[in-house]
C-alpha atoms as a PDB file:
ATOM      1  CA  UNK A   1      -7.747   7.763  12.712  1.00  0.00           C
ATOM      2  CA  UNK A   2      -8.495   4.368  11.499  1.00  0.00           C
ATOM      3  CA  UNK A   3     -10.649   2.642   8.468  1.00  0.00           C
ATOM      4  CA  UNK A   4     -11.149  -0.499   6.797  1.00  0.00           C
ATOM      5  CA  UNK A   5      -9.618  -0.422   3.527  1.00  0.00           C
ATOM      6  CA  UNK A   6     -10.753  -3.202   1.002  1.00  0.00           C
ATOM      7  CA  UNK A   7      -8.565  -2.866  -2.253  1.00  0.00           C
ATOM      8  CA  UNK A   8      -9.896  -4.834  -5.512  1.00  0.00           C
ATOM      9  CA  UNK A   9      -6.722  -5.555  -8.102  1.00  0.00           C
ATOM     10  CA  UNK A  10      -7.788  -6.112 -11.799  1.00  0.00           C
ATOM     11  CA  UNK A  11      -6.091  -8.130 -14.688  1.00  0.00           C
ATOM     12  CA  UNK A  12      -5.604  -6.258 -17.987  1.00  0.00           C
ATOM     13  CA  UNK A  13      -8.764  -7.691 -19.282  1.00  0.00           C
ATOM     14  CA  UNK A  14     -10.741  -6.311 -16.736  1.00  0.00           C
ATOM     15  CA  UNK A  15     -11.269  -9.254 -14.341  1.00  0.00           C
ATOM     16  CA  UNK A  16     -10.493  -9.430 -10.564  1.00  0.00           C
ATOM     17  CA  UNK A  17      -7.270 -10.524  -9.850  1.00  0.00           C
ATOM     18  CA  UNK A  18      -7.593 -10.353  -5.983  1.00  0.00           C
ATOM     19  CA  UNK A  19      -9.821  -8.714  -3.326  1.00  0.00           C
ATOM     20  CA  UNK A  20      -7.990  -7.891  -0.010  1.00  0.00           C
ATOM     21  CA  UNK A  21      -9.407  -6.462   3.144  1.00  0.00           C
ATOM     22  CA  UNK A  22      -7.087  -4.480   5.740  1.00  0.00           C
ATOM     23  CA  UNK A  23      -7.355  -2.550   8.776  1.00  0.00           C
ATOM     24  CA  UNK A  24      -5.635   0.481   9.077  1.00  0.00           C
ATOM     25  CA  UNK A  25      -4.531   2.572  12.207  1.00  0.00           C
ATOM     26  CA  UNK A  26      -2.649   5.926  12.414  1.00  0.00           C
ATOM     27  CA  UNK A  27      -1.479   8.251  15.051  1.00  0.00           C
ATOM     28  CA  UNK A  28      -0.278  11.581  13.642  1.00  0.00           C
ATOM     29  CA  UNK A  29       0.291  13.367  16.981  1.00  0.00           C
ATOM     30  CA  UNK A  30       3.172  14.056  18.854  1.00  0.00           C
ATOM     31  CA  UNK A  31       4.885  11.568  16.204  1.00  0.00           C
ATOM     32  CA  UNK A  32       3.477   9.057  13.490  1.00  0.00           C
ATOM     33  CA  UNK A  33       2.734   5.865  13.843  1.00  0.00           C
ATOM     34  CA  UNK A  34       1.279   3.088  11.680  1.00  0.00           C
ATOM     35  CA  UNK A  35      -0.392  -0.176  11.855  1.00  0.00           C
ATOM     36  CA  UNK A  36      -1.729  -2.511   9.013  1.00  0.00           C
ATOM     37  CA  UNK A  37      -3.127  -6.016   9.630  1.00  0.00           C
ATOM     38  CA  UNK A  38      -4.688  -7.917   6.504  1.00  0.00           C
ATOM     39  CA  UNK A  39      -5.242 -12.025   5.575  1.00  0.00           C
ATOM     40  CA  UNK A  40      -2.857 -12.690   2.711  1.00  0.00           C
ATOM     41  CA  UNK A  41      -4.086 -16.012   1.216  1.00  0.00           C
ATOM     42  CA  UNK A  42      -5.162 -17.488   4.789  1.00  0.00           C
ATOM     43  CA  UNK A  43      -2.116 -15.802   6.769  1.00  0.00           C
ATOM     44  CA  UNK A  44      -2.235 -13.095   8.993  1.00  0.00           C
ATOM     45  CA  UNK A  45       0.143 -10.276   7.975  1.00  0.00           C
ATOM     46  CA  UNK A  46       1.072  -7.301  10.021  1.00  0.00           C
ATOM     47  CA  UNK A  47       3.049  -4.088   9.177  1.00  0.00           C
ATOM     48  CA  UNK A  48       4.102  -1.695  11.836  1.00  0.00           C
ATOM     49  CA  UNK A  49       5.653   1.740  11.598  1.00  0.00           C
ATOM     50  CA  UNK A  50       6.827   3.797  14.985  1.00  0.00           C
ATOM     51  CA  UNK A  51       7.909   7.011  12.900  1.00  0.00           C
ATOM     52  CA  UNK A  52      11.241   5.848  12.850  1.00  0.00           C
ATOM     53  CA  UNK A  53      11.375   1.873  11.744  1.00  0.00           C
ATOM     54  CA  UNK A  54       8.851  -0.332  10.377  1.00  0.00           C
ATOM     55  CA  UNK A  55       8.430  -4.257  10.551  1.00  0.00           C
ATOM     56  CA  UNK A  56       6.707  -6.575   8.954  1.00  0.00           C
ATOM     57  CA  UNK A  57       4.907  -9.760  10.385  1.00  0.00           C
ATOM     58  CA  UNK A  58       3.349 -12.947   8.816  1.00  0.00           C
ATOM     59  CA  UNK A  59       1.556 -15.512  11.513  1.00  0.00           C
ATOM     60  CA  UNK A  60       3.641 -14.039  14.061  1.00  0.00           C
ATOM     61  CA  UNK A  61       6.607 -14.370  12.459  1.00  0.00           C
ATOM     62  CA  UNK A  62       9.207 -11.283  11.817  1.00  0.00           C
ATOM     63  CA  UNK A  63      10.330 -10.876   8.291  1.00  0.00           C
ATOM     64  CA  UNK A  64      13.724  -9.736   8.481  1.00  0.00           C
ATOM     65  CA  UNK A  65      14.791  -8.594   5.058  1.00  0.00           C
ATOM     66  CA  UNK A  66      15.663  -5.302   4.114  1.00  0.00           C
ATOM     67  CA  UNK A  67      13.029  -5.454   1.293  1.00  0.00           C
ATOM     68  CA  UNK A  68      10.506  -6.282   3.643  1.00  0.00           C
ATOM     69  CA  UNK A  69      11.404  -3.795   5.708  1.00  0.00           C
ATOM     70  CA  UNK A  70      11.222  -1.190   3.198  1.00  0.00           C
ATOM     71  CA  UNK A  71       7.822  -3.039   2.282  1.00  0.00           C
ATOM     72  CA  UNK A  72       6.164  -2.157   5.799  1.00  0.00           C
ATOM     73  CA  UNK A  73       7.433   1.723   5.771  1.00  0.00           C
ATOM     74  CA  UNK A  74       6.393   2.321   2.143  1.00  0.00           C
ATOM     75  CA  UNK A  75       2.741   0.573   2.701  1.00  0.00           C
ATOM     76  CA  UNK A  76       2.181   2.264   6.125  1.00  0.00           C
ATOM     77  CA  UNK A  77       3.782   5.887   5.172  1.00  0.00           C
ATOM     78  CA  UNK A  78       2.108   5.768   1.695  1.00  0.00           C
ATOM     79  CA  UNK A  79      -1.431   4.508   2.642  1.00  0.00           C
ATOM     80  CA  UNK A  80      -2.111   7.201   5.250  1.00  0.00           C
ATOM     81  CA  UNK A  81      -0.314   9.955   2.970  1.00  0.00           C
ATOM     82  CA  UNK A  82      -3.061   9.029  -0.189  1.00  0.00           C
ATOM     83  CA  UNK A  83      -5.997   8.717   2.239  1.00  0.00           C
ATOM     84  CA  UNK A  84      -5.227  12.212   3.730  1.00  0.00           C
ATOM     85  CA  UNK A  85      -5.389  14.014   0.416  1.00  0.00           C
ATOM     86  CA  UNK A  86      -5.683  16.973  -0.071  1.00  0.00           C
ATOM     87  CA  UNK A  87      -4.706  17.944   3.591  1.00  0.00           C
ATOM     88  CA  UNK A  88      -1.252  16.323   3.580  1.00  0.00           C
ATOM     89  CA  UNK A  89      -0.555  18.672   0.785  1.00  0.00           C
ATOM     90  CA  UNK A  90       0.255  20.960   3.804  1.00  0.00           C
ATOM     91  CA  UNK A  91       2.918  19.018   5.250  1.00  0.00           C
ATOM     92  CA  UNK A  92       6.343  20.563   5.961  1.00  0.00           C
ATOM     93  CA  UNK A  93       8.631  19.933   2.965  1.00  0.00           C
ATOM     94  CA  UNK A  94       6.182  20.262   0.227  1.00  0.00           C
ATOM     95  CA  UNK A  95       6.699  22.778  -2.593  1.00  0.00           C
ATOM     96  CA  UNK A  96       3.486  23.399  -4.592  1.00  0.00           C
ATOM     97  CA  UNK A  97       3.655  24.940  -8.338  1.00  0.00           C
ATOM     98  CA  UNK A  98       0.817  25.874 -10.605  1.00  0.00           C
ATOM     99  CA  UNK A  99       0.794  23.110 -13.479  1.00  0.00           C
ATOM    100  CA  UNK A 100      -1.906  25.053 -15.529  1.00  0.00           C
ATOM    101  CA  UNK A 101      -5.553  23.815 -16.571  1.00  0.00           C
ATOM    102  CA  UNK A 102      -6.964  20.945 -18.358  1.00  0.00           C
ATOM    103  CA  UNK A 103     -10.252  19.235 -19.146  1.00  0.00           C
ATOM    104  CA  UNK A 104     -11.129  15.739 -17.915  1.00  0.00           C
ATOM    105  CA  UNK A 105     -12.550  12.623 -20.060  1.00  0.00           C
ATOM    106  CA  UNK A 106     -15.855  13.721 -18.397  1.00  0.00           C
ATOM    107  CA  UNK A 107     -15.443  17.207 -19.067  1.00  0.00           C
ATOM    108  CA  UNK A 108     -14.488  18.884 -15.606  1.00  0.00           C
ATOM    109  CA  UNK A 109     -12.042  21.605 -16.043  1.00  0.00           C
ATOM    110  CA  UNK A 110      -9.318  21.358 -13.486  1.00  0.00           C
ATOM    111  CA  UNK A 111      -6.500  23.371 -12.190  1.00  0.00           C
ATOM    112  CA  UNK A 112      -3.704  21.229 -11.752  1.00  0.00           C
ATOM    113  CA  UNK A 113      -1.090  21.696  -8.416  1.00  0.00           C
ATOM    114  CA  UNK A 114       2.387  19.918  -8.810  1.00  0.00           C
ATOM    115  CA  UNK A 115       3.824  18.780  -5.604  1.00  0.00           C
ATOM    116  CA  UNK A 116       7.315  17.907  -5.272  1.00  0.00           C
ATOM    117  CA  UNK A 117       8.956  17.402  -1.531  1.00  0.00           C
ATOM    118  CA  UNK A 118      12.409  18.440  -0.391  1.00  0.00           C
ATOM    119  CA  UNK A 119      14.630  16.069   0.350  1.00  0.00           C
ATOM    120  CA  UNK A 120      14.603  14.361   3.992  1.00  0.00           C
ATOM    121  CA  UNK A 121      10.590  15.507   4.084  1.00  0.00           C
ATOM    122  CA  UNK A 122       9.273  12.012   4.544  1.00  0.00           C
ATOM    123  CA  UNK A 123      10.313   9.051   3.006  1.00  0.00           C
ATOM    124  CA  UNK A 124      10.200   9.917  -0.750  1.00  0.00           C
ATOM    125  CA  UNK A 125      11.394  13.676  -0.365  1.00  0.00           C
ATOM    126  CA  UNK A 126      13.262  14.359  -3.897  1.00  0.00           C
ATOM    127  CA  UNK A 127      12.143  11.054  -5.547  1.00  0.00           C
ATOM    128  CA  UNK A 128       8.225  11.350  -6.047  1.00  0.00           C
ATOM    129  CA  UNK A 129       6.255  14.110  -8.067  1.00  0.00           C
ATOM    130  CA  UNK A 130       2.397  14.481  -7.735  1.00  0.00           C
ATOM    131  CA  UNK A 131       0.160  16.372  -9.695  1.00  0.00           C
ATOM    132  CA  UNK A 132      -3.165  16.865  -8.156  1.00  0.00           C
ATOM    133  CA  UNK A 133      -6.386  17.863 -10.066  1.00  0.00           C
ATOM    134  CA  UNK A 134      -8.934  20.321  -8.633  1.00  0.00           C
ATOM    135  CA  UNK A 135     -12.218  20.811 -10.121  1.00  0.00           C
ATOM    136  CA  UNK A 136     -12.083  24.662 -10.884  1.00  0.00           C
ATOM    137  CA  UNK A 137     -15.613  25.305  -9.815  1.00  0.00           C
ATOM    138  CA  UNK A 138     -16.059  23.668  -6.618  1.00  0.00           C
ATOM    139  CA  UNK A 139     -12.585  23.153  -5.533  1.00  0.00           C
ATOM    140  CA  UNK A 140     -12.850  19.341  -5.186  1.00  0.00           C
ATOM    141  CA  UNK A 141      -9.717  16.865  -5.510  1.00  0.00           C
ATOM    142  CA  UNK A 142     -10.712  14.935  -8.806  1.00  0.00           C
ATOM    143  CA  UNK A 143      -7.327  12.794  -9.416  1.00  0.00           C
ATOM    144  CA  UNK A 144      -3.508  12.462  -9.323  1.00  0.00           C
ATOM    145  CA  UNK A 145      -0.992  11.831 -11.423  1.00  0.00           C
ATOM    146  CA  UNK A 146       2.047  10.506  -9.886  1.00  0.00           C
ATOM    147  CA  UNK A 147       5.859   9.976 -11.064  1.00  0.00           C
ATOM    148  CA  UNK A 148       7.127   7.641  -8.741  1.00  0.00           C
ATOM    149  CA  UNK A 149      10.263   6.103 -10.329  1.00  0.00           C
ATOM    150  CA  UNK A 150      12.132   6.838 -13.473  1.00  0.00           C
ATOM    151  CA  UNK A 151       9.742   7.023 -16.484  1.00  0.00           C
ATOM    152  CA  UNK A 152       7.031   5.030 -14.116  1.00  0.00           C
ATOM    153  CA  UNK A 153       3.568   6.865 -13.818  1.00  0.00           C
ATOM    154  CA  UNK A 154       0.159   6.058 -12.387  1.00  0.00           C
ATOM    155  CA  UNK A 155      -3.246   8.125 -12.407  1.00  0.00           C
ATOM    156  CA  UNK A 156      -5.944   7.850  -9.458  1.00  0.00           C
ATOM    157  CA  UNK A 157      -9.458   9.165  -9.945  1.00  0.00           C
ATOM    158  CA  UNK A 158     -11.322  10.188  -6.148  1.00  0.00           C
ATOM    159  CA  UNK A 159     -15.140   9.414  -5.404  1.00  0.00           C
ATOM    160  CA  UNK A 160     -17.464   9.297  -3.084  1.00  0.00           C
ATOM    161  CA  UNK A 161     -16.511  11.904  -0.745  1.00  0.00           C
ATOM    162  CA  UNK A 162     -18.098  11.899   2.921  1.00  0.00           C
ATOM    163  CA  UNK A 163     -16.962  14.111   6.133  1.00  0.00           C
ATOM    164  CA  UNK A 164     -16.159  12.613   9.150  1.00  0.00           C
ATOM    165  CA  UNK A 165     -15.914  14.965  12.142  1.00  0.00           C
ATOM    166  CA  UNK A 166     -15.820  17.633   9.793  1.00  0.00           C
ATOM    167  CA  UNK A 167     -12.831  16.357   7.686  1.00  0.00           C
ATOM    168  CA  UNK A 168     -14.338  15.508   3.874  1.00  0.00           C
ATOM    169  CA  UNK A 169     -12.361  12.582   2.380  1.00  0.00           C
ATOM    170  CA  UNK A 170     -12.911  10.993  -0.640  1.00  0.00           C
ATOM    171  CA  UNK A 171     -13.814   6.780   0.308  1.00  0.00           C
ATOM    172  CA  UNK A 172     -13.404   5.290  -3.073  1.00  0.00           C
ATOM    173  CA  UNK A 173     -10.113   5.589  -5.473  1.00  0.00           C
ATOM    174  CA  UNK A 174      -9.477   4.086  -9.004  1.00  0.00           C
ATOM    175  CA  UNK A 175      -5.986   3.252 -10.236  1.00  0.00           C
ATOM    176  CA  UNK A 176      -4.737   3.150 -13.528  1.00  0.00           C
ATOM    177  CA  UNK A 177      -1.438   2.740 -15.593  1.00  0.00           C
ATOM    178  CA  UNK A 178      -0.632   6.095 -17.198  1.00  0.00           C
ATOM    179  CA  UNK A 179       2.274   7.821 -19.523  1.00  0.00           C
ATOM    180  CA  UNK A 180       4.513  10.925 -18.776  1.00  0.00           C
ATOM    181  CA  UNK A 181       1.667  13.124 -20.001  1.00  0.00           C
ATOM    182  CA  UNK A 182      -1.382  11.541 -17.580  1.00  0.00           C
ATOM    183  CA  UNK A 183      -3.003   9.818 -20.259  1.00  0.00           C
ATOM    184  CA  UNK A 184      -4.388   6.262 -18.745  1.00  0.00           C
ATOM    185  CA  UNK A 185      -4.415   2.807 -19.501  1.00  0.00           C
ATOM    186  CA  UNK A 186      -6.258  -0.011 -17.997  1.00  0.00           C
ATOM    187  CA  UNK A 187      -7.900   0.072 -14.886  1.00  0.00           C
ATOM    188  CA  UNK A 188      -5.345  -1.378 -12.217  1.00  0.00           C
ATOM    189  CA  UNK A 189      -7.113  -0.930  -8.985  1.00  0.00           C
ATOM    190  CA  UNK A 190      -9.963   0.136  -6.354  1.00  0.00           C
ATOM    191  CA  UNK A 191      -9.927   0.753  -3.752  1.00  0.00           C
ATOM    192  CA  UNK A 192     -12.800   1.814  -0.811  1.00  0.00           C
ATOM    193  CA  UNK A 193     -12.587   3.030   2.931  1.00  0.00           C
ATOM    194  CA  UNK A 194     -14.901   2.289   5.156  1.00  0.00           C
ATOM    195  CA  UNK A 195     -15.588   2.365   8.570  1.00  0.00           C
ATOM    196  CA  UNK A 196     -13.722   5.596   9.109  1.00  0.00           C
ATOM    197  CA  UNK A 197     -13.031   6.972  12.264  1.00  0.00           C
ATOM    198  CA  UNK A 198     -11.129   9.902  13.523  1.00  0.00           C
ATOM    199  CA  UNK A 199      -9.835  10.896  17.511  1.00  0.00           C
ATOM    200  CA  UNK A 200     -10.089   7.456  18.141  1.00  0.00           C
ATOM    201  CA  UNK A 201      -7.984   6.543  21.158  1.00  0.00           C
ATOM    202  CA  UNK A 202      -5.023   4.569  19.947  1.00  0.00           C
ATOM    203  CA  UNK A 203      -2.226   2.983  22.827  1.00  0.00           C
ATOM    204  CA  UNK A 204       1.421   3.402  22.065  1.00  0.00           C
ATOM    205  CA  UNK A 205       1.545  -0.511  21.756  1.00  0.00           C
ATOM    206  CA  UNK A 206      -0.038  -1.159  18.467  1.00  0.00           C
ATOM    207  CA  UNK A 207       2.819   0.796  17.083  1.00  0.00           C
ATOM    208  CA  UNK A 208       5.444  -1.311  18.238  1.00  0.00           C
ATOM    209  CA  UNK A 209       6.541  -4.747  17.230  1.00  0.00           C
ATOM    210  CA  UNK A 210       4.392  -7.230  19.138  1.00  0.00           C
ATOM    211  CA  UNK A 211       6.139  -9.250  22.505  1.00  0.00           C
ATOM    212  CA  UNK A 212       8.479  -6.654  22.268  1.00  0.00           C
END
């Protein structure tokens, strides 16, 4: 699959801090491959993940620190995971549990499903806990609450569902700071997905470091 992703980051006062447009390409079978291209303050940035290792390049120059490699790996795995909700909840290694019901601020009654991952399942196995909120009347995915580090949380809302090749996904997401209970703070980001295409032929060379 491939899509254009526009991410807008907001300051605490609600003003726009930055807006970034990215091109994402993912191969899911027979093995994972991810590629993200974007402009970073006038420089061409590239992140490539062949399913085993990830690389980050800026203006064609490889950034070789472990921090940069981890950033590329986290960005490619994380971006395809969030875009693929709720279908990624069927991935191997997931443990699902009911977390009860709740009524959101807009009055929607939701069924909460908590997702944890066995250690060794993907890159976040044993580390991240996600709670997904599904509309009890329609089954639609409305939001998620994420515990991504010790005492670190965020909350995302999903909007503007569209169908592509028979697969329905949200094409707009808004992210907030949050506490352990899911109470939200200021708006942090808004993400738009456009030009979405599935079953796109993607050559293996896209998921290897350039010039290798």
